[in-house]
């Protein structure tokens, strides 16, 4: 990718210097318990998670005043790539929202190591990068990039950029009110139907990642030979069927939450080719 002349985003919180034990009951356990409580009581899970997140954040150590974080040369390169990618998402989505007469509110990217407290509860780096709608922030442990290259066999700068663009795609969904609508539908659905809705949400985020790449290249000429293949390979390597076959030897489509490799590649490619913000209606698509 041609990023040497690109700026780094200022919407970054570097919490990598923070340390300390996680609050008991956090992470996915917190989220699952909140969803269960919401199902039983009818309370809004977003509000419940926000309350928990606020209490946990009050217990979190504040960032070092000097803001300095020890990092290797590889970590520095990954950080710069991530912050420049985030800046490019800001440029693209600001322009696309403006064309619709709307204002894009940028997300903030939180860098962490091993564990982090978010507005959605505690999380470990084992969860991978994620977007939290409660605080509208993207969270990433940059060590995931090494895992992306080694475990998932998806090396390359554009593969790394795709990861950020996908999470920002969730932020776009949140701003458009799509995520909230899906969440309401999931509350009323059975497990398989809820999983199917999750797949459609994730595939749309892949589509938005492609839309971003289309316009970022159009605006800044950032893509070099092999970059598109790198991004498509990343989308393929993290499909539910591929991951399930690696871990359990077979794939069960009823348990998919992100989409198959073929689906993820298809929707990312669609966004990349069209650049049409309105062309990724995965929820009404008969064929994913």
Foldseek 3Di string as FASTA:
>chain_A
DPQPPFDFAPLEAECAPFDDDFDPCWAPSVLVVLLVVCLVPVDDSLVVLQVVLVVRVVVGDDADPVNDDDDDPVVVVLNRLLRRLLVLLQVVVQVVQVVVVHGDDRAHEYEYAQWDRHSRTIHGCVVAWAADLSRRHIYHHSCVQVCLCPVLVQHDSLLSSLSSQLRVLVSVCSVVVNVVVLVVVLSVDDQLVNLVSLQLSSLLSLLSSLLSLQVSCVVPVRDDPPSLVSNLSSLQSPAQQNVCCVPPNGHDNSNHRHHHSVSSSVSNVNSNVPSDNPPRNSVPDPPD
